[in-house]
C-alpha atoms as a PDB file:
ATOM      1  CA  ARG A   1     122.850  83.941 126.866  1.00  0.00           C
ATOM      2  CA  ALA A   2     124.369  87.433 126.900  1.00  0.00           C
ATOM      3  CA  ALA A   3     122.017  88.658 124.150  1.00  0.00           C
ATOM      4  CA  ARG A   4     119.052  87.335 126.135  1.00  0.00           C
ATOM      5  CA  VAL A   5     120.281  89.142 129.261  1.00  0.00           C
ATOM      6  CA  TYR A   6     120.730  92.413 127.355  1.00  0.00           C
ATOM      7  CA  ARG A   7     117.172  92.136 125.998  1.00  0.00           C
ATOM      8  CA  GLN A   8     115.814  91.515 129.485  1.00  0.00           C
ATOM      9  CA  HIS A   9     117.759  94.223 131.314  1.00  0.00           C
ATOM     10  CA  LEU A  10     118.230  97.083 128.844  1.00  0.00           C
ATOM     11  CA  PRO A  11     115.580  99.634 127.901  1.00  0.00           C
ATOM     12  CA  ALA A  12     113.850  98.658 124.653  1.00  0.00           C
ATOM     13  CA  SER A  13     114.564 102.162 123.356  1.00  0.00           C
ATOM     14  CA  LEU A  14     118.291 101.286 123.116  1.00  0.00           C
ATOM     15  CA  ILE A  15     117.834  98.017 121.196  1.00  0.00           C
ATOM     16  CA  PRO A  16     117.529  98.293 117.403  1.00  0.00           C
ATOM     17  CA  SER A  17     113.953  97.479 116.398  1.00  0.00           C
ATOM     18  CA  GLY A  18     115.193  95.429 113.431  1.00  0.00           C
ATOM     19  CA  LEU A  19     117.228  93.056 115.595  1.00  0.00           C
ATOM     20  CA  ALA A  20     115.356  89.745 115.541  1.00  0.00           C
ATOM     21  CA  LYS A  21     114.234  88.543 118.976  1.00  0.00           C
ATOM     22  CA  ASP A  22     116.005  85.197 118.605  1.00  0.00           C
ATOM     23  CA  CYS A  23     119.166  86.701 117.100  1.00  0.00           C
ATOM     24  CA  ALA A  24     122.430  85.911 118.882  1.00  0.00           C
ATOM     25  CA  PRO A  25     124.877  88.342 117.267  1.00  0.00           C
ATOM     26  CA  ALA A  26     128.643  88.190 117.710  1.00  0.00           C
ATOM     27  CA  ARG A  27     128.378  91.692 119.208  1.00  0.00           C
ATOM     28  CA  PHE A  28     125.097  93.076 120.566  1.00  0.00           C
ATOM     29  CA  PRO A  29     124.326  96.557 119.188  1.00  0.00           C
ATOM     30  CA  ILE A  30     122.559  99.249 121.134  1.00  0.00           C
ATOM     31  CA  ILE A  31     121.746 102.715 119.842  1.00  0.00           C
ATOM     32  CA  ALA A  32     122.393 105.665 122.129  1.00  0.00           C
ATOM     33  CA  PRO A  33     120.165 108.747 121.849  1.00  0.00           C
ATOM     34  CA  ASP A  34     123.056 110.768 120.407  1.00  0.00           C
ATOM     35  CA  SER A  35     126.817 110.603 119.844  1.00  0.00           C
ATOM     36  CA  ARG A  36     127.552 112.325 123.153  1.00  0.00           C
ATOM     37  CA  ALA A  37     125.594 109.646 125.012  1.00  0.00           C
ATOM     38  CA  SER A  38     127.415 106.874 123.126  1.00  0.00           C
ATOM     39  CA  GLU A  39     130.794 108.355 124.085  1.00  0.00           C
ATOM     40  CA  GLN A  40     129.622 108.492 127.699  1.00  0.00           C
ATOM     41  CA  LEU A  41     128.652 104.814 127.494  1.00  0.00           C
ATOM     42  CA  PHE A  42     132.092 103.887 126.101  1.00  0.00           C
ATOM     43  CA  SER A  43     133.742 105.815 128.901  1.00  0.00           C
ATOM     44  CA  ASP A  44     131.560 104.354 131.661  1.00  0.00           C
ATOM     45  CA  LEU A  45     131.991 100.803 130.377  1.00  0.00           C
ATOM     46  CA  ARG A  46     135.785 101.165 130.064  1.00  0.00           C
ATOM     47  CA  ARG A  47     136.020 102.673 133.524  1.00  0.00           C
ATOM     48  CA  THR A  48     134.287  99.590 134.946  1.00  0.00           C
ATOM     49  CA  GLY A  49     136.518  97.202 132.990  1.00  0.00           C
ATOM     50  CA  TYR A  50     134.280  96.326 130.037  1.00  0.00           C
ATOM     51  CA  TYR A  51     135.147  96.738 126.389  1.00  0.00           C
ATOM     52  CA  SER A  52     132.474  97.932 124.001  1.00  0.00           C
ATOM     53  CA  GLY A  53     133.141  98.413 120.333  1.00  0.00           C
ATOM     54  CA  LYS A  54     132.542 101.302 118.010  1.00  0.00           C
ATOM     55  CA  TRP A  55     130.454 100.283 115.042  1.00  0.00           C
ATOM     56  CA  TYR A  56     131.913 101.516 111.761  1.00  0.00           C
ATOM     57  CA  ARG A  57     133.389 104.618 113.249  1.00  0.00           C
ATOM     58  CA  PRO A  58     134.438 106.117 110.883  1.00  0.00           C
ATOM     59  CA  VAL A  59     131.832 104.922 108.393  1.00  0.00           C
ATOM     60  CA  ILE A  60     134.567 103.770 106.000  1.00  0.00           C
ATOM     61  CA  PHE A  61     135.985 101.483 108.648  1.00  0.00           C
ATOM     62  CA  PRO A  62     138.701 101.370 109.865  1.00  0.00           C
ATOM     63  CA  GLY A  63     139.443 104.614 108.078  1.00  0.00           C
ATOM     64  CA  THR A  64     141.281 105.727 105.011  1.00  0.00           C
ATOM     65  CA  PRO A  65     143.579 108.638 104.292  1.00  0.00           C
ATOM     66  CA  ARG A  66     141.788 109.083 100.928  1.00  0.00           C
ATOM     67  CA  PRO A  67     137.998 108.752 101.343  1.00  0.00           C
ATOM     68  CA  GLU A  68     137.504 110.223  97.867  1.00  0.00           C
ATOM     69  CA  LEU A  69     138.636 106.858  96.462  1.00  0.00           C
ATOM     70  CA  TYR A  70     135.397 105.444  97.873  1.00  0.00           C
ATOM     71  CA  HIS A  71     133.301 108.342  96.555  1.00  0.00           C
ATOM     72  CA  TYR A  72     132.152 108.955 100.106  1.00  0.00           C
ATOM     73  CA  THR A  73     131.463 112.425 101.406  1.00  0.00           C
ATOM     74  CA  PRO A  74     130.143 112.396 104.990  1.00  0.00           C
ATOM     75  CA  THR A  75     127.815 115.340 104.388  1.00  0.00           C
ATOM     76  CA  HIS A  76     126.087 113.367 101.616  1.00  0.00           C
ATOM     77  CA  PHE A  77     125.214 110.545 104.030  1.00  0.00           C
ATOM     78  CA  PRO A  78     123.899 112.197 107.202  1.00  0.00           C
ATOM     79  CA  VAL A  79     121.899 109.152 108.328  1.00  0.00           C
ATOM     80  CA  ALA A  80     124.919 106.835 108.061  1.00  0.00           C
ATOM     81  CA  GLU A  81     127.074 109.364 109.911  1.00  0.00           C
ATOM     82  CA  ASP A  82     124.447 109.824 112.621  1.00  0.00           C
ATOM     83  CA  ILE A  83     123.801 106.153 113.283  1.00  0.00           C
ATOM     84  CA  SER A  84     127.464 105.137 113.229  1.00  0.00           C
ATOM     85  CA  GLY A  85     128.111 107.784 115.869  1.00  0.00           C
ATOM     86  CA  ARG A  86     125.403 106.369 118.127  1.00  0.00           C
ATOM     87  CA  ILE A  87     125.890 102.598 117.947  1.00  0.00           C
ATOM     88  CA  VAL A  88     127.697 100.848 120.785  1.00  0.00           C
ATOM     89  CA  ASN A  89     128.277  97.130 120.428  1.00  0.00           C
ATOM     90  CA  LEU A  90     128.466  94.933 123.487  1.00  0.00           C
ATOM     91  CA  PRO A  91     130.326  91.671 123.995  1.00  0.00           C
ATOM     92  CA  THR A  92     128.356  88.440 123.804  1.00  0.00           C
ATOM     93  CA  ASN A  93     131.125  85.943 124.590  1.00  0.00           C
ATOM     94  CA  ILE A  94     130.697  86.514 128.313  1.00  0.00           C
ATOM     95  CA  THR A  95     128.746  85.005 131.169  1.00  0.00           C
ATOM     96  CA  ALA A  96     125.179  86.013 131.918  1.00  0.00           C
ATOM     97  CA  GLU A  97     126.408  87.612 135.157  1.00  0.00           C
ATOM     98  CA  LYS A  98     128.886  89.826 133.304  1.00  0.00           C
ATOM     99  CA  ALA A  99     126.161  90.775 130.807  1.00  0.00           C
ATOM    100  CA  LYS A 100     123.959  91.812 133.740  1.00  0.00           C
ATOM    101  CA  GLU A 101     126.794  93.956 135.098  1.00  0.00           C
ATOM    102  CA  ILE A 102     127.229  95.609 131.691  1.00  0.00           C
ATOM    103  CA  ALA A 103     123.472  96.240 131.481  1.00  0.00           C
ATOM    104  CA  ARG A 104     123.570  97.811 134.954  1.00  0.00           C
ATOM    105  CA  VAL A 105     126.365 100.180 133.868  1.00  0.00           C
ATOM    106  CA  ILE A 106     124.405 101.140 130.752  1.00  0.00           C
ATOM    107  CA  VAL A 107     121.164 101.759 132.624  1.00  0.00           C
ATOM    108  CA  THR A 108     123.009 103.860 135.210  1.00  0.00           C
ATOM    109  CA  SER A 109     124.866 105.784 132.487  1.00  0.00           C
ATOM    110  CA  THR A 110     121.751 106.542 130.441  1.00  0.00           C
ATOM    111  CA  HIS A 111     119.871 107.837 133.495  1.00  0.00           C
ATOM    112  CA  LYS A 112     122.436 110.475 134.517  1.00  0.00           C
END
């Protein structure tokens, strides 16, 4: 139900185009225009009492003191770094009413 509400009430520009229409993910991802906007969304959602998750932030989640063990250099993977800094994942184990409230916060936040 929550995923359906998000699809109905959020701008299509925030919803990943590859997310199947009938998909009911454990967390619903949206993609902010940039990392600053995603941080603003996190802040606005927290301030109103909703928890949104950060998607693989850092990319080697949940982090490692020695990224060289994974042969990962952030500058070599700019697309991965960019997208992980823009994805906000929303709860889906909530009522449709709460999902509508979350969508309202997001719409308000993205139109500032």
